[in-house]
Amino acid sequence: MYFPGDPLFAYDPILQSVTDDAARARLVAAYDHDLTTPEHALGYRWDIVLDGPAATWIEEGR
């Protein structure tokens, strides 16, 4: 899971190994205001899809 706007995306070898732009985008969590606790924690949503064409990318053999 990655957080949006990370300035180090271009240097991350795992993220850069995912060549499909849509699959790479699914690895980035989305800010969710409803999950945020003011002055305590920012809330993010990251849904994992286990199978099918929109499956979340995982390293094979791990």
PDB file of N, CA and C in Angstrom:
ATOM      1  N   MET A   1       0.850  -1.173   0.000  1.00  0.00           N
ATOM      2  CA  MET A   1       0.000   0.000   0.000  1.00  0.00           C
ATOM      3  C   MET A   1       0.892   1.232   0.000  1.00  0.00           C
ATOM      4  N   TYR A   2       0.521   2.181  -0.832  1.00  0.00           N
ATOM      5  CA  TYR A   2       1.237   3.451  -0.920  1.00  0.00           C
ATOM      6  C   TYR A   2       0.255   4.582  -0.631  1.00  0.00           C
ATOM      7  N   PHE A   3       0.801   5.738  -0.268  1.00  0.00           N
ATOM      8  CA  PHE A   3      -0.036   6.901   0.007  1.00  0.00           C
ATOM      9  C   PHE A   3       0.086   7.898  -1.136  1.00  0.00           C
ATOM     10  N   PRO A   4      -1.020   8.566  -1.492  1.00  0.00           N
ATOM     11  CA  PRO A   4      -1.003   9.488  -2.631  1.00  0.00           C
ATOM     12  C   PRO A   4      -0.017  10.632  -2.424  1.00  0.00           C
ATOM     13  N   GLY A   5       0.602  11.028  -3.522  1.00  0.00           N
ATOM     14  CA  GLY A   5       1.482  12.185  -3.504  1.00  0.00           C
ATOM     15  C   GLY A   5       2.875  11.925  -2.971  1.00  0.00           C
ATOM     16  N   ASP A   6       3.236  10.674  -2.710  1.00  0.00           N
ATOM     17  CA  ASP A   6       4.572  10.369  -2.188  1.00  0.00           C
ATOM     18  C   ASP A   6       5.619  10.787  -3.226  1.00  0.00           C
ATOM     19  N   PRO A   7       6.552  11.648  -2.857  1.00  0.00           N
ATOM     20  CA  PRO A   7       7.540  12.132  -3.830  1.00  0.00           C
ATOM     21  C   PRO A   7       8.569  11.073  -4.229  1.00  0.00           C
ATOM     22  N   LEU A   8       8.558   9.931  -3.554  1.00  0.00           N
ATOM     23  CA  LEU A   8       9.547   8.889  -3.849  1.00  0.00           C
ATOM     24  C   LEU A   8       9.009   7.764  -4.730  1.00  0.00           C
ATOM     25  N   PHE A   9       7.796   7.916  -5.271  1.00  0.00           N
ATOM     26  CA  PHE A   9       7.227   6.893  -6.158  1.00  0.00           C
ATOM     27  C   PHE A   9       8.201   6.495  -7.262  1.00  0.00           C
ATOM     28  N   ALA A  10       8.823   7.458  -7.884  1.00  0.00           N
ATOM     29  CA  ALA A  10       9.705   7.190  -9.027  1.00  0.00           C
ATOM     30  C   ALA A  10      10.920   6.359  -8.640  1.00  0.00           C
ATOM     31  N   TYR A  11      11.249   6.291  -7.363  1.00  0.00           N
ATOM     32  CA  TYR A  11      12.433   5.568  -6.899  1.00  0.00           C
ATOM     33  C   TYR A  11      12.106   4.228  -6.241  1.00  0.00           C
ATOM     34  N   ASP A  12      10.824   3.911  -6.113  1.00  0.00           N
ATOM     35  CA  ASP A  12      10.430   2.680  -5.441  1.00  0.00           C
ATOM     36  C   ASP A  12      10.503   1.506  -6.418  1.00  0.00           C
ATOM     37  N   PRO A  13      11.389   0.536  -6.182  1.00  0.00           N
ATOM     38  CA  PRO A  13      11.557  -0.548  -7.155  1.00  0.00           C
ATOM     39  C   PRO A  13      10.334  -1.453  -7.277  1.00  0.00           C
ATOM     40  N   ILE A  14       9.588  -1.635  -6.208  1.00  0.00           N
ATOM     41  CA  ILE A  14       8.402  -2.486  -6.297  1.00  0.00           C
ATOM     42  C   ILE A  14       7.321  -1.787  -7.104  1.00  0.00           C
ATOM     43  N   LEU A  15       7.029  -0.545  -6.784  1.00  0.00           N
ATOM     44  CA  LEU A  15       6.007   0.195  -7.520  1.00  0.00           C
ATOM     45  C   LEU A  15       6.390   0.319  -8.999  1.00  0.00           C
ATOM     46  N   GLN A  16       7.654   0.563  -9.279  1.00  0.00           N
ATOM     47  CA  GLN A  16       8.090   0.719 -10.670  1.00  0.00           C
ATOM     48  C   GLN A  16       8.099  -0.599 -11.431  1.00  0.00           C
ATOM     49  N   SER A  17       8.099  -1.724 -10.735  1.00  0.00           N
ATOM     50  CA  SER A  17       8.067  -3.018 -11.425  1.00  0.00           C
ATOM     51  C   SER A  17       6.677  -3.347 -11.962  1.00  0.00           C
ATOM     52  N   VAL A  18       5.660  -2.639 -11.500  1.00  0.00           N
ATOM     53  CA  VAL A  18       4.296  -2.821 -11.992  1.00  0.00           C
ATOM     54  C   VAL A  18       4.145  -1.936 -13.229  1.00  0.00           C
ATOM     55  N   THR A  19       4.069  -2.563 -14.396  1.00  0.00           N
ATOM     56  CA  THR A  19       4.071  -1.793 -15.646  1.00  0.00           C
ATOM     57  C   THR A  19       2.689  -1.308 -16.081  1.00  0.00           C
ATOM     58  N   ASP A  20       1.635  -1.932 -15.591  1.00  0.00           N
ATOM     59  CA  ASP A  20       0.268  -1.523 -15.939  1.00  0.00           C
ATOM     60  C   ASP A  20      -0.125  -0.325 -15.075  1.00  0.00           C
ATOM     61  N   ASP A  21      -0.417   0.807 -15.714  1.00  0.00           N
ATOM     62  CA  ASP A  21      -0.760   2.037 -14.977  1.00  0.00           C
ATOM     63  C   ASP A  21      -1.964   1.849 -14.056  1.00  0.00           C
ATOM     64  N   ALA A  22      -2.983   1.108 -14.522  1.00  0.00           N
ATOM     65  CA  ALA A  22      -4.176   0.889 -13.702  1.00  0.00           C
ATOM     66  C   ALA A  22      -3.836   0.040 -12.478  1.00  0.00           C
ATOM     67  N   ALA A  23      -3.011  -0.969 -12.650  1.00  0.00           N
ATOM     68  CA  ALA A  23      -2.606  -1.823 -11.527  1.00  0.00           C
ATOM     69  C   ALA A  23      -1.768  -1.025 -10.534  1.00  0.00           C
ATOM     70  N   ARG A  24      -0.898  -0.166 -11.053  1.00  0.00           N
ATOM     71  CA  ARG A  24      -0.077   0.674 -10.174  1.00  0.00           C
ATOM     72  C   ARG A  24      -0.976   1.620  -9.377  1.00  0.00           C
ATOM     73  N   ALA A  25      -1.982   2.184 -10.012  1.00  0.00           N
ATOM     74  CA  ALA A  25      -2.898   3.110  -9.329  1.00  0.00           C
ATOM     75  C   ALA A  25      -3.666   2.406  -8.212  1.00  0.00           C
ATOM     76  N   ARG A  26      -3.958   1.106  -8.391  1.00  0.00           N
ATOM     77  CA  ARG A  26      -4.682   0.358  -7.350  1.00  0.00           C
ATOM     78  C   ARG A  26      -3.829   0.109  -6.118  1.00  0.00           C
ATOM     79  N   LEU A  27      -2.530   0.320  -6.209  1.00  0.00           N
ATOM     80  CA  LEU A  27      -1.650   0.153  -5.051  1.00  0.00           C
ATOM     81  C   LEU A  27      -1.608   1.398  -4.165  1.00  0.00           C
ATOM     82  N   VAL A  28      -2.207   2.483  -4.630  1.00  0.00           N
ATOM     83  CA  VAL A  28      -2.193   3.756  -3.897  1.00  0.00           C
ATOM     84  C   VAL A  28      -3.530   3.933  -3.176  1.00  0.00           C
ATOM     85  N   ALA A  29      -3.464   4.125  -1.870  1.00  0.00           N
ATOM     86  CA  ALA A  29      -4.669   4.317  -1.064  1.00  0.00           C
ATOM     87  C   ALA A  29      -5.324   5.651  -1.407  1.00  0.00           C
ATOM     88  N   ALA A  30      -6.605   5.757  -1.129  1.00  0.00           N
ATOM     89  CA  ALA A  30      -7.350   6.990  -1.375  1.00  0.00           C
ATOM     90  C   ALA A  30      -7.709   7.643  -0.036  1.00  0.00           C
ATOM     91  N   TYR A  31      -7.504   8.943   0.051  1.00  0.00           N
ATOM     92  CA  TYR A  31      -7.895   9.674   1.258  1.00  0.00           C
ATOM     93  C   TYR A  31      -9.396   9.540   1.455  1.00  0.00           C
ATOM     94  N   ASP A  32      -9.810   9.259   2.681  1.00  0.00           N
ATOM     95  CA  ASP A  32     -11.228   9.123   3.008  1.00  0.00           C
ATOM     96  C   ASP A  32     -11.532   9.997   4.220  1.00  0.00           C
ATOM     97  N   HIS A  33     -12.187  11.115   3.964  1.00  0.00           N
ATOM     98  CA  HIS A  33     -12.472  12.079   5.027  1.00  0.00           C
ATOM     99  C   HIS A  33     -13.306  11.460   6.150  1.00  0.00           C
ATOM    100  N   ASP A  34     -14.203  10.531   5.795  1.00  0.00           N
ATOM    101  CA  ASP A  34     -15.058   9.914   6.817  1.00  0.00           C
ATOM    102  C   ASP A  34     -14.268   9.025   7.781  1.00  0.00           C
ATOM    103  N   LEU A  35     -13.110   8.558   7.376  1.00  0.00           N
ATOM    104  CA  LEU A  35     -12.271   7.737   8.247  1.00  0.00           C
ATOM    105  C   LEU A  35     -11.271   8.562   9.053  1.00  0.00           C
ATOM    106  N   THR A  36     -11.171   9.839   8.743  1.00  0.00           N
ATOM    107  CA  THR A  36     -10.208  10.720   9.396  1.00  0.00           C
ATOM    108  C   THR A  36     -10.705  11.143  10.773  1.00  0.00           C
ATOM    109  N   THR A  37      -9.787  11.170  11.735  1.00  0.00           N
ATOM    110  CA  THR A  37     -10.071  11.688  13.068  1.00  0.00           C
ATOM    111  C   THR A  37      -9.338  13.017  13.179  1.00  0.00           C
ATOM    112  N   PRO A  38     -10.064  14.145  13.227  1.00  0.00           N
ATOM    113  CA  PRO A  38      -9.410  15.450  13.265  1.00  0.00           C
ATOM    114  C   PRO A  38      -8.355  15.556  14.367  1.00  0.00           C
ATOM    115  N   GLU A  39      -7.230  16.152  14.013  1.00  0.00           N
ATOM    116  CA  GLU A  39      -6.105  16.383  14.913  1.00  0.00           C
ATOM    117  C   GLU A  39      -5.519  15.099  15.497  1.00  0.00           C
ATOM    118  N   HIS A  40      -5.831  13.947  14.872  1.00  0.00           N
ATOM    119  CA  HIS A  40      -5.302  12.684  15.380  1.00  0.00           C
ATOM    120  C   HIS A  40      -4.756  11.809  14.249  1.00  0.00           C
ATOM    121  N   ALA A  41      -5.575  11.543  13.224  1.00  0.00           N
ATOM    122  CA  ALA A  41      -5.148  10.622  12.172  1.00  0.00           C
ATOM    123  C   ALA A  41      -5.884  10.901  10.870  1.00  0.00           C
ATOM    124  N   LEU A  42      -5.146  10.793   9.771  1.00  0.00           N
ATOM    125  CA  LEU A  42      -5.765  10.861   8.456  1.00  0.00           C
ATOM    126  C   LEU A  42      -6.275   9.474   8.098  1.00  0.00           C
ATOM    127  N   GLY A  43      -7.439   9.408   7.469  1.00  0.00           N
ATOM    128  CA  GLY A  43      -8.018   8.122   7.081  1.00  0.00           C
ATOM    129  C   GLY A  43      -7.824   7.858   5.602  1.00  0.00           C
ATOM    130  N   TYR A  44      -7.456   6.640   5.282  1.00  0.00           N
ATOM    131  CA  TYR A  44      -7.263   6.218   3.887  1.00  0.00           C
ATOM    132  C   TYR A  44      -7.989   4.911   3.674  1.00  0.00           C
ATOM    133  N   ARG A  45      -8.436   4.708   2.453  1.00  0.00           N
ATOM    134  CA  ARG A  45      -9.105   3.464   2.077  1.00  0.00           C
ATOM    135  C   ARG A  45      -8.243   2.782   1.021  1.00  0.00           C
ATOM    136  N   TRP A  46      -8.010   1.484   1.228  1.00  0.00           N
ATOM    137  CA  TRP A  46      -7.258   0.692   0.268  1.00  0.00           C
ATOM    138  C   TRP A  46      -7.929  -0.657   0.172  1.00  0.00           C
ATOM    139  N   ASP A  47      -8.649  -0.861  -0.913  1.00  0.00           N
ATOM    140  CA  ASP A  47      -9.378  -2.105  -1.109  1.00  0.00           C
ATOM    141  C   ASP A  47      -8.489  -3.108  -1.832  1.00  0.00           C
ATOM    142  N   ILE A  48      -8.455  -4.327  -1.348  1.00  0.00           N
ATOM    143  CA  ILE A  48      -7.679  -5.396  -1.964  1.00  0.00           C
ATOM    144  C   ILE A  48      -8.637  -6.277  -2.757  1.00  0.00           C
ATOM    145  N   VAL A  49      -8.342  -6.471  -4.042  1.00  0.00           N
ATOM    146  CA  VAL A  49      -9.133  -7.345  -4.905  1.00  0.00           C
ATOM    147  C   VAL A  49      -8.317  -8.612  -5.114  1.00  0.00           C
ATOM    148  N   LEU A  50      -8.861  -9.761  -4.751  1.00  0.00           N
ATOM    149  CA  LEU A  50      -8.093 -11.003  -4.762  1.00  0.00           C
ATOM    150  C   LEU A  50      -8.009 -11.688  -6.122  1.00  0.00           C
ATOM    151  N   ASP A  51      -8.991 -11.501  -6.993  1.00  0.00           N
ATOM    152  CA  ASP A  51      -8.980 -12.231  -8.258  1.00  0.00           C
ATOM    153  C   ASP A  51      -9.694 -11.425  -9.334  1.00  0.00           C
ATOM    154  N   GLY A  52      -9.410 -11.761 -10.581  1.00  0.00           N
ATOM    155  CA  GLY A  52     -10.071 -11.124 -11.707  1.00  0.00           C
ATOM    156  C   GLY A  52      -9.207 -10.048 -12.333  1.00  0.00           C
ATOM    157  N   PRO A  53      -9.746  -9.366 -13.339  1.00  0.00           N
ATOM    158  CA  PRO A  53      -8.958  -8.378 -14.084  1.00  0.00           C
ATOM    159  C   PRO A  53      -8.546  -7.167 -13.249  1.00  0.00           C
ATOM    160  N   ALA A  54      -9.245  -6.882 -12.176  1.00  0.00           N
ATOM    161  CA  ALA A  54      -8.893  -5.730 -11.317  1.00  0.00           C
ATOM    162  C   ALA A  54      -8.192  -6.178 -10.039  1.00  0.00           C
ATOM    163  N   ALA A  55      -7.609  -7.385 -10.055  1.00  0.00           N
ATOM    164  CA  ALA A  55      -6.949  -7.914  -8.862  1.00  0.00           C
ATOM    165  C   ALA A  55      -5.785  -7.011  -8.473  1.00  0.00           C
ATOM    166  N   THR A  56      -5.591  -6.861  -7.170  1.00  0.00           N
ATOM    167  CA  THR A  56      -4.475  -6.087  -6.648  1.00  0.00           C
ATOM    168  C   THR A  56      -3.168  -6.830  -6.945  1.00  0.00           C
ATOM    169  N   TRP A  57      -2.199  -6.130  -7.466  1.00  0.00           N
ATOM    170  CA  TRP A  57      -0.928  -6.743  -7.818  1.00  0.00           C
ATOM    171  C   TRP A  57      -0.204  -7.224  -6.565  1.00  0.00           C
ATOM    172  N   ILE A  58       0.368  -8.430  -6.643  1.00  0.00           N
ATOM    173  CA  ILE A  58       1.205  -8.956  -5.563  1.00  0.00           C
ATOM    174  C   ILE A  58       2.436  -9.582  -6.184  1.00  0.00           C
ATOM    175  N   GLU A  59       3.502  -9.685  -5.406  1.00  0.00           N
ATOM    176  CA  GLU A  59       4.694 -10.357  -5.879  1.00  0.00           C
ATOM    177  C   GLU A  59       4.414 -11.853  -5.962  1.00  0.00           C
ATOM    178  N   GLU A  60       4.764 -12.459  -7.067  1.00  0.00           N
ATOM    179  CA  GLU A  60       4.569 -13.903  -7.224  1.00  0.00           C
ATOM    180  C   GLU A  60       5.611 -14.651  -6.405  1.00  0.00           C
ATOM    181  N   GLY A  61       5.224 -15.778  -5.846  1.00  0.00           N
ATOM    182  CA  GLY A  61       6.139 -16.632  -5.128  1.00  0.00           C
ATOM    183  C   GLY A  61       6.488 -16.163  -3.731  1.00  0.00           C
ATOM    184  N   ARG A  62       5.756 -15.238  -3.193  1.00  0.00           N
ATOM    185  CA  ARG A  62       6.038 -14.754  -1.823  1.00  0.00           C
ATOM    186  C   ARG A  62       5.013 -15.277  -0.875  1.00  0.00           C
TER     187      ARG A  62
END
